[in-house]
């Protein structure tokens, strides 16, 4: 409601920056873990390429989700309040699901075992599809959450403020991603 009352440009820009940084970092860490495991197990280079195909597919699906959400959700008059409520409920459902999933993977040992089991079966079966799906799911889950958060932010903030936080956040997360993955 700070934004609804004509809240500051910087408040919206900082929120935008934090959203992309947090969600992007989660995706980068997951992809880094997948790639790191493949390197540690001396998997062939083609398996790493398959991870990247999944990452690209996750990014494309996220952009398609953003486009669909922008086109399919009319934001005017009475629909705006209904849309905000529906978006908030979807965001809560996704966050509850993700929180539960993360809670189950709280200990790094459990998380490493989870990834190792998935990757061992994928590498041993030489299944390109399994590798791509694992990377896709890691990226798209974070992308979907990002779309929900940005849709909610865009209801009350100017697009200039949102983009002013998004662009430097993307630059920073891209730099962090390159460092982590190398």
N, C-alpha and C. Protein backbone atom coordinates (compact mmCIF):
# COMPACT_ATOMS: atom_id res chain seq x y z
N UNK A 1 0.81 -1.17 0.00
CA UNK A 1 0.00 0.00 0.00
C UNK A 1 0.87 1.26 0.00
N UNK A 2 2.12 1.11 0.38
CA UNK A 2 3.05 2.22 0.23
C UNK A 2 3.14 2.57 -1.26
N UNK A 3 3.18 1.54 -2.08
CA UNK A 3 3.24 1.77 -3.52
C UNK A 3 1.92 2.33 -4.04
N UNK A 4 0.80 1.84 -3.51
CA UNK A 4 -0.51 2.32 -3.95
C UNK A 4 -0.71 3.79 -3.62
N UNK A 5 -0.08 4.25 -2.57
CA UNK A 5 -0.19 5.67 -2.19
C UNK A 5 0.85 6.51 -2.92
N UNK A 6 1.38 5.99 -3.99
CA UNK A 6 2.39 6.75 -4.74
C UNK A 6 3.76 6.56 -4.13
N UNK A 7 4.01 5.33 -3.61
CA UNK A 7 5.27 5.02 -2.95
C UNK A 7 6.47 5.36 -3.81
N UNK A 8 7.58 5.32 -3.20
CA UNK A 8 8.78 5.80 -3.87
C UNK A 8 9.24 4.89 -5.00
N UNK A 9 9.84 5.52 -5.95
CA UNK A 9 10.46 4.83 -7.07
C UNK A 9 11.50 3.85 -6.55
N UNK A 10 12.29 4.31 -5.60
CA UNK A 10 13.39 3.49 -5.09
C UNK A 10 12.90 2.28 -4.31
N UNK A 11 11.78 2.40 -3.64
CA UNK A 11 11.20 1.27 -2.90
C UNK A 11 10.87 0.15 -3.89
N UNK A 12 10.24 0.51 -5.00
CA UNK A 12 9.89 -0.48 -6.01
C UNK A 12 11.13 -1.03 -6.70
N UNK A 13 12.08 -0.17 -7.01
CA UNK A 13 13.30 -0.60 -7.70
C UNK A 13 14.10 -1.56 -6.82
N UNK A 14 14.20 -1.28 -5.53
CA UNK A 14 14.94 -2.16 -4.63
C UNK A 14 14.23 -3.50 -4.49
N UNK A 15 12.90 -3.47 -4.39
CA UNK A 15 12.15 -4.74 -4.34
C UNK A 15 12.39 -5.55 -5.60
N UNK A 16 12.37 -4.89 -6.76
CA UNK A 16 12.62 -5.56 -8.02
C UNK A 16 14.01 -6.18 -8.05
N UNK A 17 15.00 -5.43 -7.60
CA UNK A 17 16.38 -5.90 -7.54
C UNK A 17 16.50 -7.14 -6.65
N UNK A 18 15.90 -7.10 -5.48
CA UNK A 18 16.00 -8.20 -4.52
C UNK A 18 15.30 -9.45 -5.06
N UNK A 19 14.16 -9.27 -5.71
CA UNK A 19 13.43 -10.43 -6.26
C UNK A 19 14.31 -11.19 -7.24
N UNK A 20 14.86 -10.49 -8.23
CA UNK A 20 15.64 -11.18 -9.26
C UNK A 20 16.94 -11.74 -8.69
N UNK A 21 17.53 -11.04 -7.74
CA UNK A 21 18.77 -11.51 -7.14
C UNK A 21 18.52 -12.79 -6.34
N UNK A 22 17.49 -12.79 -5.52
CA UNK A 22 17.20 -13.97 -4.68
C UNK A 22 16.81 -15.17 -5.51
N UNK A 23 15.86 -15.00 -6.41
CA UNK A 23 15.39 -16.12 -7.21
C UNK A 23 16.48 -16.58 -8.19
N UNK A 24 17.20 -15.62 -8.77
CA UNK A 24 18.28 -15.98 -9.68
C UNK A 24 19.39 -16.74 -8.98
N UNK A 25 19.72 -16.32 -7.77
CA UNK A 25 20.78 -17.00 -7.01
C UNK A 25 20.38 -18.45 -6.71
N UNK A 26 19.12 -18.66 -6.37
CA UNK A 26 18.66 -20.03 -6.11
C UNK A 26 18.83 -20.88 -7.36
N UNK A 27 18.43 -20.36 -8.51
CA UNK A 27 18.56 -21.11 -9.77
C UNK A 27 20.02 -21.36 -10.09
N UNK A 28 20.87 -20.36 -9.93
CA UNK A 28 22.30 -20.51 -10.23
C UNK A 28 22.93 -21.57 -9.32
N UNK A 29 22.57 -21.57 -8.05
CA UNK A 29 23.13 -22.56 -7.13
C UNK A 29 22.71 -23.97 -7.52
N UNK A 30 21.45 -24.14 -7.91
CA UNK A 30 20.98 -25.46 -8.31
C UNK A 30 21.68 -25.95 -9.58
N UNK A 31 21.78 -25.07 -10.57
CA UNK A 31 22.47 -25.44 -11.81
C UNK A 31 23.95 -25.70 -11.53
N UNK A 32 24.55 -24.87 -10.69
CA UNK A 32 25.95 -25.07 -10.32
C UNK A 32 26.17 -26.41 -9.64
N UNK A 33 25.24 -26.82 -8.78
CA UNK A 33 25.34 -28.12 -8.12
C UNK A 33 25.25 -29.26 -9.14
N UNK A 34 24.34 -29.13 -10.09
CA UNK A 34 24.20 -30.15 -11.13
C UNK A 34 25.48 -30.26 -11.96
N UNK A 35 25.97 -29.12 -12.42
CA UNK A 35 27.19 -29.11 -13.24
C UNK A 35 28.41 -29.58 -12.44
N UNK A 36 28.48 -29.15 -11.18
CA UNK A 36 29.58 -29.56 -10.32
C UNK A 36 29.63 -31.07 -10.12
N UNK A 37 28.47 -31.65 -9.97
CA UNK A 37 28.42 -33.10 -9.80
C UNK A 37 28.88 -33.80 -11.07
N UNK A 38 28.46 -33.30 -12.21
CA UNK A 38 28.88 -33.91 -13.48
C UNK A 38 30.40 -33.82 -13.65
N UNK A 39 30.97 -32.68 -13.26
CA UNK A 39 32.43 -32.53 -13.34
C UNK A 39 33.10 -33.51 -12.36
N UNK A 40 32.57 -33.60 -11.15
CA UNK A 40 33.17 -34.48 -10.13
C UNK A 40 33.11 -35.95 -10.53
N UNK A 41 32.09 -36.32 -11.30
CA UNK A 41 31.96 -37.72 -11.73
C UNK A 41 32.57 -37.97 -13.10
N UNK A 42 33.25 -36.95 -13.64
CA UNK A 42 33.89 -37.06 -14.96
C UNK A 42 32.90 -37.47 -16.05
N UNK A 43 31.70 -36.94 -15.96
CA UNK A 43 30.69 -37.24 -16.97
C UNK A 43 31.10 -36.62 -18.29
N UNK A 44 30.68 -37.21 -19.39
CA UNK A 44 31.04 -36.65 -20.70
C UNK A 44 30.50 -35.23 -20.88
N UNK A 45 31.17 -34.48 -21.73
CA UNK A 45 30.79 -33.09 -22.01
C UNK A 45 29.34 -32.99 -22.49
N UNK A 46 28.85 -33.98 -23.20
CA UNK A 46 27.48 -33.91 -23.72
C UNK A 46 26.44 -33.83 -22.61
N UNK A 47 26.76 -34.41 -21.45
CA UNK A 47 25.82 -34.32 -20.33
C UNK A 47 25.73 -32.89 -19.80
N UNK A 48 26.85 -32.18 -19.82
CA UNK A 48 26.83 -30.77 -19.41
C UNK A 48 26.04 -29.93 -20.41
N UNK A 49 26.17 -30.23 -21.68
CA UNK A 49 25.38 -29.53 -22.71
C UNK A 49 23.90 -29.79 -22.49
N UNK A 50 23.55 -30.99 -22.07
CA UNK A 50 22.15 -31.32 -21.82
C UNK A 50 21.60 -30.49 -20.66
N UNK A 51 22.44 -30.26 -19.65
CA UNK A 51 22.03 -29.39 -18.54
C UNK A 51 21.71 -28.01 -19.10
N UNK A 52 22.58 -27.49 -19.97
CA UNK A 52 22.37 -26.15 -20.52
C UNK A 52 21.11 -26.09 -21.40
N UNK A 53 20.79 -27.16 -22.09
CA UNK A 53 19.54 -27.19 -22.86
C UNK A 53 18.35 -27.06 -21.91
N UNK A 54 18.40 -27.76 -20.79
CA UNK A 54 17.34 -27.65 -19.78
C UNK A 54 17.25 -26.26 -19.19
N UNK A 55 18.40 -25.63 -18.95
CA UNK A 55 18.42 -24.26 -18.42
C UNK A 55 17.77 -23.30 -19.41
N UNK A 56 18.16 -23.42 -20.68
CA UNK A 56 17.58 -22.53 -21.70
C UNK A 56 16.08 -22.77 -21.83
N UNK A 57 15.67 -24.03 -21.79
CA UNK A 57 14.23 -24.34 -21.86
C UNK A 57 13.49 -23.74 -20.66
N UNK A 58 14.11 -23.77 -19.49
CA UNK A 58 13.50 -23.17 -18.29
C UNK A 58 13.35 -21.67 -18.43
N UNK A 59 14.36 -21.02 -19.01
CA UNK A 59 14.29 -19.57 -19.22
C UNK A 59 13.21 -19.23 -20.24
N UNK A 60 13.15 -20.00 -21.32
CA UNK A 60 12.12 -19.77 -22.35
C UNK A 60 10.73 -19.98 -21.76
N UNK A 61 10.56 -21.03 -20.96
CA UNK A 61 9.26 -21.28 -20.33
C UNK A 61 8.89 -20.15 -19.37
N UNK A 62 9.88 -19.61 -18.66
CA UNK A 62 9.62 -18.48 -17.76
C UNK A 62 9.15 -17.27 -18.54
N UNK A 63 9.83 -16.98 -19.66
CA UNK A 63 9.42 -15.84 -20.50
C UNK A 63 8.02 -16.06 -21.07
N UNK A 64 7.71 -17.29 -21.46
CA UNK A 64 6.38 -17.61 -21.97
C UNK A 64 5.33 -17.44 -20.86
N UNK A 65 5.69 -17.83 -19.65
CA UNK A 65 4.78 -17.65 -18.52
C UNK A 65 4.53 -16.18 -18.26
N UNK A 66 5.58 -15.37 -18.33
CA UNK A 66 5.43 -13.92 -18.16
C UNK A 66 4.51 -13.36 -19.25
N UNK A 67 4.75 -13.76 -20.49
CA UNK A 67 3.92 -13.29 -21.59
C UNK A 67 2.47 -13.70 -21.43
N UNK A 68 2.25 -14.95 -21.05
CA UNK A 68 0.88 -15.43 -20.85
C UNK A 68 0.21 -14.69 -19.69
N UNK A 69 0.94 -14.48 -18.62
CA UNK A 69 0.37 -13.78 -17.47
C UNK A 69 0.03 -12.34 -17.83
N UNK A 70 0.85 -11.72 -18.65
CA UNK A 70 0.61 -10.33 -19.04
C UNK A 70 -0.58 -10.22 -19.99
N UNK A 71 -0.69 -11.15 -20.92
CA UNK A 71 -1.77 -11.11 -21.92
C UNK A 71 -3.09 -11.62 -21.35
N UNK A 72 -3.05 -12.69 -20.57
CA UNK A 72 -4.27 -13.35 -20.12
C UNK A 72 -4.91 -12.72 -18.90
N UNK A 73 -4.16 -11.91 -18.18
CA UNK A 73 -4.70 -11.32 -16.95
C UNK A 73 -5.01 -9.85 -17.20
N UNK A 74 -6.30 -9.52 -17.40
CA UNK A 74 -6.65 -8.12 -17.60
C UNK A 74 -6.51 -7.34 -16.29
N UNK A 75 -5.83 -6.22 -16.35
CA UNK A 75 -5.61 -5.42 -15.14
C UNK A 75 -6.32 -4.09 -15.32
N UNK A 76 -7.61 -4.10 -15.01
CA UNK A 76 -8.36 -2.85 -15.07
C UNK A 76 -9.56 -2.94 -14.14
N UNK A 77 -9.95 -1.85 -13.58
CA UNK A 77 -11.14 -1.74 -12.75
C UNK A 77 -11.25 -2.81 -11.70
N UNK A 78 -12.43 -3.45 -11.63
CA UNK A 78 -12.71 -4.46 -10.61
C UNK A 78 -11.83 -5.70 -10.79
N UNK A 79 -11.42 -5.97 -12.01
CA UNK A 79 -10.58 -7.14 -12.26
C UNK A 79 -9.24 -7.03 -11.54
N UNK A 80 -8.79 -5.82 -11.30
CA UNK A 80 -7.49 -5.63 -10.67
C UNK A 80 -7.45 -6.24 -9.28
N UNK A 81 -8.46 -5.97 -8.47
CA UNK A 81 -8.49 -6.52 -7.10
C UNK A 81 -8.58 -8.04 -7.13
N UNK A 82 -9.41 -8.57 -8.04
CA UNK A 82 -9.55 -10.01 -8.17
C UNK A 82 -8.23 -10.63 -8.62
N UNK A 83 -7.58 -10.00 -9.56
CA UNK A 83 -6.30 -10.49 -10.08
C UNK A 83 -5.24 -10.46 -9.00
N UNK A 84 -5.18 -9.37 -8.24
CA UNK A 84 -4.21 -9.29 -7.15
C UNK A 84 -4.45 -10.40 -6.13
N UNK A 85 -5.71 -10.63 -5.80
CA UNK A 85 -6.03 -11.69 -4.84
C UNK A 85 -5.66 -13.06 -5.36
N UNK A 86 -5.99 -13.34 -6.61
CA UNK A 86 -5.67 -14.63 -7.21
C UNK A 86 -4.16 -14.82 -7.30
N UNK A 87 -3.45 -13.79 -7.71
CA UNK A 87 -2.00 -13.87 -7.82
C UNK A 87 -1.38 -14.12 -6.44
N UNK A 88 -1.89 -13.43 -5.43
CA UNK A 88 -1.37 -13.62 -4.08
C UNK A 88 -1.62 -15.05 -3.60
N UNK A 89 -2.80 -15.61 -3.89
CA UNK A 89 -3.10 -16.98 -3.46
C UNK A 89 -2.20 -17.98 -4.19
N UNK A 90 -1.98 -17.77 -5.48
CA UNK A 90 -1.07 -18.65 -6.22
C UNK A 90 0.34 -18.55 -5.66
N UNK A 91 0.78 -17.32 -5.38
CA UNK A 91 2.12 -17.12 -4.82
C UNK A 91 2.25 -17.83 -3.48
N UNK A 92 1.23 -17.73 -2.64
CA UNK A 92 1.26 -18.40 -1.34
C UNK A 92 1.33 -19.92 -1.53
N UNK A 93 0.53 -20.46 -2.46
CA UNK A 93 0.55 -21.90 -2.70
C UNK A 93 1.92 -22.35 -3.19
N UNK A 94 2.50 -21.61 -4.12
CA UNK A 94 3.82 -21.97 -4.63
C UNK A 94 4.86 -21.87 -3.53
N UNK A 95 4.80 -20.81 -2.75
CA UNK A 95 5.78 -20.64 -1.67
C UNK A 95 5.64 -21.72 -0.60
N UNK A 96 4.39 -22.14 -0.30
CA UNK A 96 4.20 -23.23 0.67
C UNK A 96 4.79 -24.53 0.12
N UNK A 97 4.54 -24.79 -1.16
CA UNK A 97 5.09 -25.99 -1.77
C UNK A 97 6.62 -25.95 -1.74
N UNK A 98 7.18 -24.84 -2.19
CA UNK A 98 8.63 -24.72 -2.25
C UNK A 98 9.23 -24.76 -0.85
N UNK A 99 8.59 -24.10 0.10
CA UNK A 99 9.08 -24.12 1.49
C UNK A 99 9.10 -25.54 2.03
N UNK A 100 8.04 -26.28 1.76
CA UNK A 100 7.98 -27.67 2.21
C UNK A 100 9.09 -28.48 1.55
N UNK A 101 9.27 -28.27 0.24
CA UNK A 101 10.31 -28.99 -0.49
C UNK A 101 11.67 -28.65 0.07
N UNK A 102 11.93 -27.36 0.32
CA UNK A 102 13.22 -26.94 0.86
C UNK A 102 13.42 -27.46 2.28
N UNK A 103 12.33 -27.49 3.06
CA UNK A 103 12.42 -28.00 4.43
C UNK A 103 12.88 -29.45 4.42
N UNK A 104 12.36 -30.21 3.46
CA UNK A 104 12.75 -31.61 3.34
C UNK A 104 14.21 -31.76 2.92
N UNK A 105 14.74 -30.74 2.26
CA UNK A 105 16.13 -30.78 1.79
C UNK A 105 17.02 -29.85 2.62
N UNK A 106 16.62 -29.60 3.87
CA UNK A 106 17.32 -28.62 4.70
C UNK A 106 18.79 -28.92 4.86
N UNK A 107 19.12 -30.13 5.15
CA UNK A 107 20.51 -30.45 5.38
C UNK A 107 21.21 -30.67 4.05
N UNK A 108 22.37 -30.09 3.91
CA UNK A 108 23.11 -30.15 2.64
C UNK A 108 23.39 -31.59 2.27
N UNK A 109 23.59 -32.43 3.26
CA UNK A 109 23.84 -33.85 2.99
C UNK A 109 22.63 -34.46 2.28
N UNK A 110 21.44 -34.17 2.79
CA UNK A 110 20.22 -34.67 2.16
C UNK A 110 20.09 -34.12 0.74
N UNK A 111 20.39 -32.84 0.57
CA UNK A 111 20.28 -32.21 -0.75
C UNK A 111 21.27 -32.85 -1.72
N UNK A 112 22.51 -33.06 -1.26
CA UNK A 112 23.51 -33.68 -2.12
C UNK A 112 23.10 -35.11 -2.49
N UNK A 113 22.56 -35.84 -1.52
CA UNK A 113 22.09 -37.19 -1.82
C UNK A 113 20.94 -37.17 -2.83
N UNK A 114 20.04 -36.21 -2.68
CA UNK A 114 18.91 -36.07 -3.60
C UNK A 114 19.42 -35.83 -5.02
N UNK A 115 20.33 -34.88 -5.18
CA UNK A 115 20.89 -34.60 -6.51
C UNK A 115 21.68 -35.80 -7.04
N UNK A 116 22.48 -36.42 -6.16
CA UNK A 116 23.29 -37.56 -6.59
C UNK A 116 22.39 -38.69 -7.10
N UNK A 117 21.31 -38.99 -6.38
CA UNK A 117 20.40 -40.05 -6.82
C UNK A 117 19.81 -39.74 -8.19
N UNK A 118 19.37 -38.49 -8.36
CA UNK A 118 18.76 -38.10 -9.63
C UNK A 118 19.78 -38.13 -10.76
N UNK A 119 20.96 -37.60 -10.49
CA UNK A 119 21.98 -37.55 -11.53
C UNK A 119 22.58 -38.92 -11.81
N UNK A 120 22.75 -39.74 -10.76
CA UNK A 120 23.28 -41.09 -10.99
C UNK A 120 22.38 -41.86 -11.93
N UNK A 121 21.09 -41.79 -11.70
CA UNK A 121 20.17 -42.52 -12.58
C UNK A 121 20.17 -41.90 -13.96
N UNK A 122 20.29 -40.59 -14.04
CA UNK A 122 20.32 -39.93 -15.35
C UNK A 122 21.60 -40.25 -16.09
N UNK A 123 22.74 -40.22 -15.40
CA UNK A 123 24.01 -40.48 -16.05
C UNK A 123 24.12 -41.95 -16.41
N UNK A 124 23.71 -42.83 -15.51
CA UNK A 124 23.85 -44.26 -15.79
C UNK A 124 22.94 -44.69 -16.93
N UNK A 125 21.79 -44.09 -17.04
CA UNK A 125 20.88 -44.47 -18.13
C UNK A 125 21.18 -43.67 -19.39
N UNK A 126 22.13 -42.75 -19.29
CA UNK A 126 22.50 -41.88 -20.41
C UNK A 126 21.26 -41.19 -20.97
N UNK A 127 20.41 -40.79 -20.08
CA UNK A 127 19.15 -40.19 -20.49
C UNK A 127 19.29 -38.68 -20.62
N UNK A 128 19.35 -38.20 -21.85
CA UNK A 128 19.41 -36.76 -22.08
C UNK A 128 18.16 -36.08 -21.56
N UNK A 129 17.05 -36.75 -21.71
CA UNK A 129 15.78 -36.18 -21.28
C UNK A 129 15.77 -35.94 -19.77
N UNK A 130 16.27 -36.90 -19.00
CA UNK A 130 16.29 -36.76 -17.55
C UNK A 130 17.18 -35.60 -17.12
N UNK A 131 18.31 -35.45 -17.79
CA UNK A 131 19.21 -34.35 -17.46
C UNK A 131 18.57 -33.01 -17.77
N UNK A 132 17.93 -32.92 -18.90
CA UNK A 132 17.29 -31.66 -19.29
C UNK A 132 16.13 -31.33 -18.36
N UNK A 133 15.34 -32.32 -18.00
CA UNK A 133 14.18 -32.09 -17.13
C UNK A 133 14.63 -31.62 -15.76
N UNK A 134 15.69 -32.21 -15.24
CA UNK A 134 16.19 -31.80 -13.93
C UNK A 134 16.63 -30.34 -13.94
N UNK A 135 17.38 -29.94 -14.96
CA UNK A 135 17.81 -28.55 -15.07
C UNK A 135 16.63 -27.63 -15.35
N UNK A 136 15.73 -28.06 -16.22
CA UNK A 136 14.55 -27.28 -16.53
C UNK A 136 13.73 -27.01 -15.27
N UNK A 137 13.49 -28.06 -14.49
CA UNK A 137 12.69 -27.91 -13.27
C UNK A 137 13.34 -26.95 -12.29
N UNK A 138 14.65 -27.03 -12.16
CA UNK A 138 15.36 -26.14 -11.23
C UNK A 138 15.20 -24.68 -11.65
N UNK A 139 15.35 -24.41 -12.94
CA UNK A 139 15.27 -23.03 -13.43
C UNK A 139 13.83 -22.54 -13.49
N UNK A 140 12.93 -23.38 -14.00
CA UNK A 140 11.54 -22.92 -14.18
C UNK A 140 10.84 -22.69 -12.84
N UNK A 141 11.15 -23.50 -11.85
CA UNK A 141 10.52 -23.29 -10.53
C UNK A 141 10.85 -21.89 -10.01
N UNK A 142 12.11 -21.50 -10.12
CA UNK A 142 12.50 -20.16 -9.68
C UNK A 142 11.92 -19.10 -10.61
N UNK A 143 11.89 -19.38 -11.90
CA UNK A 143 11.33 -18.43 -12.86
C UNK A 143 9.85 -18.20 -12.63
N UNK A 144 9.13 -19.25 -12.32
CA UNK A 144 7.69 -19.13 -12.07
C UNK A 144 7.44 -18.24 -10.85
N UNK A 145 8.20 -18.48 -9.80
CA UNK A 145 8.07 -17.63 -8.61
C UNK A 145 8.39 -16.18 -8.95
N UNK A 146 9.42 -15.97 -9.75
CA UNK A 146 9.81 -14.61 -10.14
C UNK A 146 8.69 -13.92 -10.90
N UNK A 147 8.05 -14.65 -11.81
CA UNK A 147 6.92 -14.09 -12.56
C UNK A 147 5.82 -13.67 -11.60
N UNK A 148 5.50 -14.52 -10.64
CA UNK A 148 4.44 -14.18 -9.68
C UNK A 148 4.80 -12.92 -8.88
N UNK A 149 6.03 -12.86 -8.41
CA UNK A 149 6.45 -11.70 -7.63
C UNK A 149 6.43 -10.42 -8.46
N UNK A 150 6.93 -10.50 -9.70
CA UNK A 150 6.95 -9.31 -10.56
C UNK A 150 5.55 -8.90 -10.99
N UNK A 151 4.65 -9.85 -11.20
CA UNK A 151 3.27 -9.50 -11.52
C UNK A 151 2.65 -8.72 -10.36
N UNK A 152 2.89 -9.18 -9.14
CA UNK A 152 2.36 -8.49 -7.97
C UNK A 152 2.98 -7.10 -7.84
N UNK A 153 4.28 -6.99 -8.06
CA UNK A 153 4.96 -5.69 -7.96
C UNK A 153 4.47 -4.74 -9.04
N UNK A 154 4.24 -5.26 -10.24
CA UNK A 154 3.83 -4.42 -11.36
C UNK A 154 2.43 -3.84 -11.20
N UNK A 155 1.62 -4.40 -10.32
CA UNK A 155 0.28 -3.86 -10.09
C UNK A 155 0.34 -2.44 -9.56
N UNK A 156 1.33 -2.17 -8.71
CA UNK A 156 1.36 -0.88 -8.02
C UNK A 156 2.59 -0.03 -8.32
N UNK A 157 3.55 -0.59 -9.01
CA UNK A 157 4.77 0.17 -9.28
C UNK A 157 4.86 0.50 -10.77
N UNK A 158 5.59 1.55 -11.06
CA UNK A 158 5.79 1.90 -12.46
C UNK A 158 6.74 0.90 -13.10
N UNK A 159 6.56 0.68 -14.40
CA UNK A 159 7.45 -0.23 -15.11
C UNK A 159 8.89 0.28 -15.09
N UNK A 160 9.05 1.59 -15.07
CA UNK A 160 10.40 2.16 -15.00
C UNK A 160 11.09 1.75 -13.71
N UNK A 161 10.37 1.79 -12.60
CA UNK A 161 10.94 1.39 -11.31
C UNK A 161 11.28 -0.09 -11.30
N UNK A 162 10.38 -0.91 -11.85
CA UNK A 162 10.60 -2.36 -11.88
C UNK A 162 11.83 -2.68 -12.72
N UNK A 163 11.93 -2.09 -13.90
CA UNK A 163 13.07 -2.33 -14.79
C UNK A 163 14.35 -1.79 -14.17
N UNK A 164 14.26 -0.68 -13.46
CA UNK A 164 15.45 -0.08 -12.83
C UNK A 164 16.04 -0.98 -11.75
N UNK A 165 15.25 -1.84 -11.16
CA UNK A 165 15.77 -2.82 -10.22
C UNK A 165 16.15 -4.12 -10.89
N UNK A 166 15.38 -4.50 -11.92
CA UNK A 166 15.60 -5.76 -12.61
C UNK A 166 16.94 -5.79 -13.34
N UNK A 167 17.24 -4.74 -14.10
CA UNK A 167 18.45 -4.74 -14.94
C UNK A 167 19.73 -4.89 -14.12
N UNK A 168 19.95 -4.06 -13.08
CA UNK A 168 21.19 -4.28 -12.31
C UNK A 168 21.18 -5.62 -11.57
N UNK A 169 19.99 -6.08 -11.16
CA UNK A 169 19.90 -7.39 -10.52
C UNK A 169 20.31 -8.50 -11.46
N UNK A 170 19.87 -8.41 -12.72
CA UNK A 170 20.25 -9.41 -13.72
C UNK A 170 21.74 -9.35 -14.01
N UNK A 171 22.28 -8.16 -14.10
CA UNK A 171 23.72 -8.03 -14.35
C UNK A 171 24.50 -8.67 -13.20
N UNK A 172 24.10 -8.39 -11.97
CA UNK A 172 24.79 -8.95 -10.81
C UNK A 172 24.64 -10.46 -10.75
N UNK A 173 23.44 -10.98 -10.95
CA UNK A 173 23.24 -12.42 -10.85
C UNK A 173 23.94 -13.14 -12.00
N UNK A 174 24.03 -12.50 -13.16
CA UNK A 174 24.77 -13.10 -14.27
C UNK A 174 26.26 -13.20 -13.91
N UNK A 175 26.81 -12.14 -13.33
CA UNK A 175 28.21 -12.17 -12.90
C UNK A 175 28.44 -13.22 -11.83
N UNK A 176 27.56 -13.29 -10.85
CA UNK A 176 27.69 -14.29 -9.79
C UNK A 176 27.57 -15.68 -10.39
N UNK A 177 26.64 -15.84 -11.33
CA UNK A 177 26.44 -17.13 -11.98
C UNK A 177 27.68 -17.60 -12.72
N UNK A 178 28.29 -16.70 -13.45
CA UNK A 178 29.51 -17.05 -14.19
C UNK A 178 30.60 -17.48 -13.20
N UNK A 179 30.75 -16.75 -12.10
CA UNK A 179 31.77 -17.10 -11.12
C UNK A 179 31.49 -18.46 -10.45
N UNK A 180 30.25 -18.70 -10.09
CA UNK A 180 29.91 -19.96 -9.42
C UNK A 180 30.08 -21.13 -10.37
N UNK A 181 29.63 -20.99 -11.58
CA UNK A 181 29.66 -22.11 -12.52
C UNK A 181 31.09 -22.40 -13.00
N UNK A 182 31.92 -21.39 -13.07
CA UNK A 182 33.34 -21.64 -13.43
C UNK A 182 34.03 -22.31 -12.28
